[in-house]
Protein backbone atom coordinates (compact mmCIF):
# COMPACT_ATOMS: atom_id res chain seq x y z
CA MET A 1 50.56 -80.84 -165.70
CA SER A 2 49.56 -77.62 -163.58
CA ASP A 3 52.70 -77.30 -161.25
CA LEU A 4 55.47 -74.79 -162.23
CA ALA A 5 54.45 -71.60 -160.93
CA GLN A 6 55.56 -68.56 -162.73
CA LEU A 7 58.57 -66.78 -161.81
CA ILE A 8 57.96 -63.26 -162.70
CA LYS A 9 60.54 -61.34 -160.69
CA LEU A 10 63.66 -62.21 -159.32
CA TYR A 11 65.49 -59.78 -157.08
CA ASP A 12 66.30 -56.73 -159.19
CA HIS A 13 66.69 -58.73 -162.44
CA VAL A 14 64.92 -57.47 -165.41
CA SER A 15 62.46 -59.82 -166.35
CA ARG A 16 60.74 -60.43 -169.61
CA TYR A 17 57.08 -60.32 -167.99
CA GLU A 18 57.43 -56.69 -167.10
CA TRP A 19 58.02 -56.20 -170.97
CA ASN A 20 54.56 -57.67 -171.80
CA MET A 21 52.70 -59.00 -168.03
CA TYR A 22 49.55 -59.90 -170.52
CA ARG A 23 51.43 -62.10 -172.80
CA TYR A 24 53.70 -64.14 -170.91
CA PRO A 25 51.86 -65.68 -168.34
CA SER A 26 49.27 -67.21 -170.78
CA GLN A 27 51.65 -68.14 -173.00
CA TYR A 28 53.94 -69.64 -170.34
CA ILE A 29 51.13 -72.06 -169.47
CA ARG A 30 50.52 -73.00 -172.95
CA LEU A 31 53.90 -73.77 -174.32
CA LYS A 32 54.42 -75.52 -170.84
CA ASN A 33 51.78 -77.85 -171.60
CA GLU A 34 52.53 -78.53 -174.97
CA ASN A 35 55.76 -79.78 -173.54
CA TRP A 36 54.76 -82.03 -170.89
CA LYS A 37 52.02 -83.97 -173.30
CA SER A 38 55.32 -84.30 -175.71
CA LEU A 39 57.33 -85.57 -173.14
CA TYR A 40 55.02 -87.63 -171.63
CA ASN A 41 53.85 -89.44 -175.23
CA ASP A 42 57.16 -89.89 -176.12
CA TRP A 43 57.96 -91.31 -172.68
CA VAL A 44 54.98 -93.50 -172.74
CA ASN A 45 55.75 -94.96 -176.82
CA GLY A 46 59.34 -95.90 -176.03
CA TYR A 47 60.87 -92.96 -177.92
CA LEU A 48 62.21 -91.18 -174.55
CA ASN A 49 65.18 -92.82 -172.65
CA VAL A 50 67.27 -90.73 -170.78
CA PRO A 51 68.87 -90.51 -167.08
CA PHE A 52 66.13 -89.92 -164.27
CA GLU A 53 69.61 -88.26 -162.10
CA THR A 54 69.47 -84.93 -164.01
CA LYS A 55 72.53 -83.48 -162.06
CA GLU A 56 74.85 -85.57 -164.16
CA LEU A 57 73.68 -84.00 -167.60
CA GLU A 58 76.77 -81.69 -166.95
CA GLU A 59 79.27 -84.54 -166.80
CA LYS A 60 77.35 -85.87 -170.14
CA PRO A 61 77.60 -83.23 -173.44
CA SER A 62 76.55 -85.67 -175.43
CA ASN A 63 73.34 -86.66 -173.52
CA PHE A 64 72.72 -82.81 -172.77
CA MET A 65 72.71 -81.81 -176.44
CA LYS A 66 70.07 -84.20 -177.14
CA ILE A 67 67.59 -83.27 -174.30
CA LYS A 68 68.27 -79.89 -176.07
CA ASN A 69 67.20 -80.91 -179.24
CA PHE A 70 64.09 -82.05 -177.63
CA PHE A 71 63.17 -78.48 -176.12
CA THR A 72 63.90 -76.88 -179.40
CA GLY A 73 61.75 -79.11 -181.52
CA SER A 74 64.49 -81.06 -183.41
CA GLN A 75 63.98 -84.72 -183.84
CA MET A 76 65.37 -86.78 -180.92
CA ALA A 77 66.28 -90.41 -180.99
CA PRO A 78 66.56 -92.52 -177.75
CA LEU A 79 69.38 -91.77 -175.89
CA PRO A 80 71.78 -95.21 -175.40
CA ARG A 81 71.66 -97.51 -171.94
CA ASP A 82 74.33 -97.21 -169.58
CA GLU A 83 73.85 -100.24 -167.01
CA HIS A 84 75.55 -97.22 -164.36
CA THR A 85 73.03 -94.94 -165.05
CA PRO A 86 69.28 -95.03 -164.02
CA TYR A 87 66.69 -94.43 -166.51
CA ILE A 88 62.76 -93.17 -166.28
CA GLU A 89 60.98 -95.86 -165.13
CA THR A 90 57.93 -94.14 -163.41
CA GLU A 91 55.37 -91.14 -164.64
CA LEU A 92 56.45 -89.48 -161.14
CA GLN A 93 60.27 -89.58 -162.16
CA LEU A 94 59.34 -88.21 -165.65
CA ARG A 95 57.58 -85.36 -163.66
CA GLN A 96 60.58 -84.84 -161.89
CA TYR A 97 62.76 -84.93 -164.71
CA PHE A 98 60.40 -82.22 -166.29
CA LEU A 99 60.13 -80.01 -163.74
CA ASN A 100 64.26 -80.18 -163.34
CA GLU A 101 64.75 -79.55 -166.91
CA LEU A 102 62.39 -76.27 -167.07
CA TYR A 103 64.13 -74.70 -164.10
CA PRO A 104 66.78 -73.40 -166.31
CA PHE A 105 64.00 -71.50 -168.99
CA GLN A 106 61.87 -70.19 -165.83
CA ILE A 107 65.27 -68.32 -164.63
CA LYS A 108 66.00 -67.15 -168.45
CA TRP A 109 62.78 -65.47 -168.37
CA ALA A 110 63.45 -64.09 -165.19
CA THR A 111 66.53 -62.75 -165.82
CA SER A 112 66.23 -61.38 -169.40
CA THR A 113 64.49 -59.44 -172.14
CA LEU A 114 64.82 -59.68 -175.85
CA SER A 115 67.48 -56.99 -175.53
CA GLU A 116 68.76 -56.96 -171.94
CA ILE A 117 69.98 -59.17 -169.68
CA SER A 118 70.70 -59.39 -165.83
CA VAL A 119 74.09 -60.94 -164.70
CA LEU A 120 72.67 -63.92 -162.40
CA ASP A 121 74.60 -65.12 -159.67
CA GLU A 122 75.47 -68.75 -159.44
CA SER A 123 73.86 -69.21 -155.71
CA VAL A 124 70.23 -69.23 -157.81
CA GLU A 125 70.93 -72.64 -159.53
CA HIS A 126 71.03 -73.92 -156.33
CA ASP A 127 68.30 -72.13 -154.29
CA GLU A 128 66.42 -74.88 -153.12
CA THR A 129 63.41 -72.43 -151.77
CA LEU A 130 63.12 -70.74 -154.98
CA LYS A 131 62.55 -74.32 -156.73
CA TYR A 132 60.44 -75.50 -154.14
CA PHE A 133 57.82 -72.25 -154.93
CA LEU A 134 57.90 -72.95 -158.55
CA HIS A 135 57.83 -76.63 -158.33
CA ARG A 136 54.87 -77.51 -155.96
CA PHE A 137 52.78 -74.75 -156.70
CA PRO A 138 50.07 -74.37 -159.61
CA ASP A 139 50.92 -72.58 -162.89
CA ILE A 140 48.30 -69.74 -161.93
CA TYR A 141 50.69 -68.17 -159.70
CA LEU A 142 52.79 -65.50 -160.71
CA LEU A 143 55.98 -65.41 -158.14
CA MET A 144 58.02 -62.54 -157.26
CA TYR A 145 60.92 -63.84 -155.15
CA TYR A 146 62.45 -60.86 -152.89
CA PRO A 147 61.72 -57.76 -155.66
CA VAL A 148 63.26 -54.80 -155.25
CA PHE A 149 61.05 -51.76 -155.21
CA ASP A 150 62.04 -48.93 -156.64
CA ILE A 151 60.51 -45.92 -154.32
CA ARG A 152 61.29 -42.79 -155.29
CA ASN A 153 64.31 -43.68 -156.64
CA THR A 154 65.37 -45.66 -153.66
CA PRO A 155 65.82 -49.42 -153.59
CA ILE A 156 63.77 -51.23 -150.82
CA ASP A 157 64.23 -55.10 -150.54
CA GLY A 158 60.44 -56.95 -150.34
CA GLU A 159 59.50 -60.55 -148.95
CA ILE A 160 58.58 -63.32 -151.42
CA LEU A 161 55.35 -62.21 -153.26
CA MET A 162 52.89 -64.80 -154.52
CA ILE A 163 50.23 -63.41 -156.52
CA SER A 164 46.97 -65.82 -157.31
CA PRO A 165 43.57 -64.90 -159.14
CA THR A 166 42.25 -63.79 -156.12
CA HIS A 167 44.74 -62.23 -153.49
CA ILE A 168 48.28 -61.44 -153.18
CA GLU A 169 49.93 -63.08 -149.98
CA ILE A 170 52.96 -61.79 -149.45
CA ILE A 171 55.18 -64.43 -147.26
CA THR A 172 58.12 -64.34 -144.65
CA LEU A 173 60.00 -67.61 -144.40
CA MET A 174 61.49 -68.02 -140.72
CA GLU A 175 63.36 -71.52 -141.08
CA TYR A 176 65.43 -72.92 -138.49
CA ASP A 177 67.01 -76.29 -136.77
CA GLU A 178 63.71 -78.33 -136.66
CA ASN A 179 64.47 -78.56 -132.06
CA ILE A 180 64.00 -74.45 -132.13
CA SER A 181 60.88 -73.17 -131.66
CA ILE A 182 59.22 -69.66 -132.81
CA LEU A 183 57.67 -67.81 -130.05
CA VAL A 184 55.86 -64.93 -131.57
CA GLY A 185 56.32 -61.31 -129.46
CA ASP A 186 55.26 -58.03 -130.50
CA ASP A 187 56.02 -55.87 -133.20
CA ARG A 188 59.78 -55.41 -132.64
CA ARG A 189 60.98 -58.60 -130.67
CA TRP A 190 60.27 -62.53 -131.47
CA THR A 191 62.61 -65.10 -129.56
CA LEU A 192 63.90 -68.79 -130.72
CA GLU A 193 64.10 -71.12 -127.44
CA GLN A 194 65.41 -74.70 -127.39
CA ASP A 195 66.42 -76.61 -124.54
CA GLY A 196 65.82 -74.11 -122.02
CA GLN A 197 67.80 -71.17 -123.50
CA SER A 198 66.35 -68.43 -125.45
CA GLU A 199 67.53 -65.75 -128.32
CA GLN A 200 65.92 -62.83 -129.44
CA ILE A 201 65.54 -61.66 -132.93
CA ILE A 202 64.18 -59.08 -134.96
CA SER A 203 60.27 -58.90 -135.55
CA PRO A 204 59.44 -60.56 -139.26
CA LEU A 205 56.52 -58.23 -138.84
CA ILE A 206 58.52 -55.33 -139.58
CA THR A 207 59.69 -56.44 -143.31
CA LEU A 208 55.99 -57.70 -144.06
CA LYS A 209 54.72 -54.66 -142.90
CA ARG A 210 56.78 -52.57 -144.89
CA THR A 211 56.13 -54.57 -147.96
CA GLU A 212 52.44 -54.95 -147.17
CA SER A 213 52.34 -51.02 -147.15
CA ILE A 214 54.58 -50.56 -150.47
CA VAL A 215 52.12 -53.25 -152.41
CA LYS A 216 48.86 -51.69 -150.97
CA SER A 217 50.20 -48.21 -152.08
CA ILE A 218 51.32 -49.05 -155.41
CA LEU A 219 47.69 -50.84 -155.89
CA ASN A 220 45.76 -48.06 -154.52
CA LYS A 221 47.69 -45.60 -157.09
CA GLN A 222 46.51 -47.46 -159.70
CA ASP A 223 42.76 -48.09 -158.27
CA ILE A 224 43.64 -51.86 -158.06
CA ASN A 225 40.86 -53.21 -155.71
CA PHE A 226 42.96 -56.42 -154.87
CA SER A 227 43.14 -58.23 -151.60
CA VAL A 228 46.37 -58.42 -149.73
CA GLU A 229 47.75 -60.31 -147.09
CA ARG A 230 50.52 -61.55 -144.74
CA THR A 231 51.67 -64.84 -143.93
CA ILE A 232 54.29 -66.58 -141.63
CA ILE A 233 55.56 -69.24 -142.48
CA SER A 234 58.18 -72.32 -141.36
CA ARG A 235 57.74 -75.52 -142.47
CA LYS A 236 60.54 -77.32 -139.82
CA ASN A 237 59.11 -74.95 -136.86
CA PRO A 238 56.05 -74.67 -134.25
CA ILE A 239 55.65 -71.04 -133.88
CA LEU A 240 53.93 -70.33 -130.70
CA TYR A 241 51.63 -67.94 -129.94
CA HIS A 242 48.95 -66.84 -127.63
CA VAL A 243 47.06 -64.23 -129.93
CA GLU A 244 47.59 -64.47 -133.52
CA PRO A 245 49.42 -61.18 -134.81
CA PHE A 246 46.47 -58.64 -136.67
CA HIS A 247 45.83 -59.16 -140.00
CA THR A 248 48.78 -62.05 -140.07
CA ASN A 249 48.39 -65.63 -140.85
CA ILE A 250 50.85 -67.62 -138.71
CA ILE A 251 51.57 -71.05 -140.32
CA GLY A 252 54.00 -73.39 -138.18
CA ARG A 253 55.21 -76.95 -138.65
CA GLU A 254 51.37 -78.12 -137.48
CA ARG A 255 49.76 -76.27 -140.31
CA TYR A 256 52.11 -76.19 -143.00
CA ASN A 257 50.46 -78.98 -144.83
CA GLU A 258 46.97 -77.71 -144.64
CA TRP A 259 47.77 -74.04 -146.20
CA PHE A 260 49.82 -75.85 -148.59
CA GLU A 261 47.01 -78.16 -149.65
CA LYS A 262 44.46 -75.54 -149.79
CA LYS A 263 47.09 -73.60 -152.16
CA ARG A 264 47.73 -76.53 -154.44
CA ARG A 265 43.87 -77.13 -154.69
CA MET A 266 43.12 -73.93 -156.21
CA THR A 267 41.80 -74.03 -160.00
CA SER A 268 41.16 -71.17 -161.47
CA PRO A 269 41.98 -69.18 -164.78
CA LEU A 270 44.53 -66.15 -164.83
CA LYS A 271 42.23 -63.34 -164.01
CA ARG A 272 42.41 -60.32 -165.25
CA GLU A 273 42.61 -58.02 -162.29
CA GLN A 274 45.78 -60.47 -161.22
CA LEU A 275 47.66 -59.68 -164.43
CA ASN A 276 46.77 -55.73 -163.48
CA ALA A 277 48.03 -56.06 -159.97
CA ALA A 278 51.16 -58.19 -160.96
CA GLU A 279 51.42 -55.30 -163.46
CA ALA A 280 51.79 -52.70 -161.36
CA LEU A 281 53.81 -53.79 -158.99
CA ILE A 282 56.34 -55.30 -161.61
CA GLN A 283 56.59 -51.90 -162.87
CA HIS A 284 57.70 -50.60 -159.87
CA CYS A 285 60.49 -53.15 -159.15
CA MET A 286 64.27 -52.20 -159.79
CA SER A 287 65.79 -54.15 -163.32
CA THR A 288 69.37 -53.72 -163.55
CA SER A 289 70.44 -55.06 -166.61
CA VAL A 290 72.93 -55.03 -169.18
CA LYS A 291 72.73 -54.57 -173.08
CA ARG A 292 72.73 -57.80 -174.98
CA PRO A 293 75.61 -58.18 -177.10
CA GLU A 294 74.70 -57.37 -180.95
CA TRP A 295 75.79 -60.84 -182.21
CA GLU A 296 73.72 -62.94 -179.22
CA ARG A 297 70.47 -64.24 -180.71
CA ASP A 298 67.67 -64.83 -178.74
CA ASP A 299 64.66 -66.39 -180.11
CA ASP A 300 62.46 -65.62 -177.10
CA ILE A 301 61.44 -69.73 -176.84
CA PHE A 302 60.29 -71.73 -174.35
CA PRO A 303 61.64 -74.34 -174.49
CA VAL A 304 60.00 -76.17 -178.27
CA GLY A 305 58.95 -72.12 -179.40
CA GLU A 306 55.77 -71.02 -180.90
């Protein structure tokens, strides 16, 4: 199972990846695949009998503990059926269940180290955009989700970064009501248009170029030769233009599926230059955290341990 991209940086939270970029990406892929194979085999052989609607888990502590036992390697008996509870019947449902259950562990690695932890906003749990990037793209992609760069002790907000084995893609998302069209303007102003009415907005090129400048500066400082691209995406809206902005990919609603499938088709192992680039970038990000209480234990397991 190649889905589940890697969240290496979330805002200004401390990340396990910044502690060791050359260990965690490959460890993540290995443990994720081991978990999936184990879960799949148990399901095929009838040893796994869990509800498909995982949102109900918070209301069923006994079920949750049995699932936790599975992810920590303990023996788990099939859960008892309830005539009112839907159960996993297809591999597609099993995959969705697996994605949902691993999300908290992805967040854990992106918000803590063995000795420090960041305060996590509750909105992250329900951030559908973050889940989309993590659940729909292969694990060879390293995701920096709105990182905060530390430039001469000054925090500067960045855009979404997807670090693939071949290049870094800086992404700006533009999502509006489906009836709105986005009209590309200059470097300062673009226009939203609906039913003959128009509204000017600040050009997304401003923050996109700012993030690109920071990324290229960090890579150049470390003598890392790695391609950087700028991309503006709208999954819901058409983006209209006469001439595509210089060195910028415009992916509106009509082109989105093509872009998306191209990303999903990429097959490559993690590359040394990819990890070097990710390491350089993450070391120039801010991390706000506190020391873990001495009594708080963290075995650094994901999810079945090592």
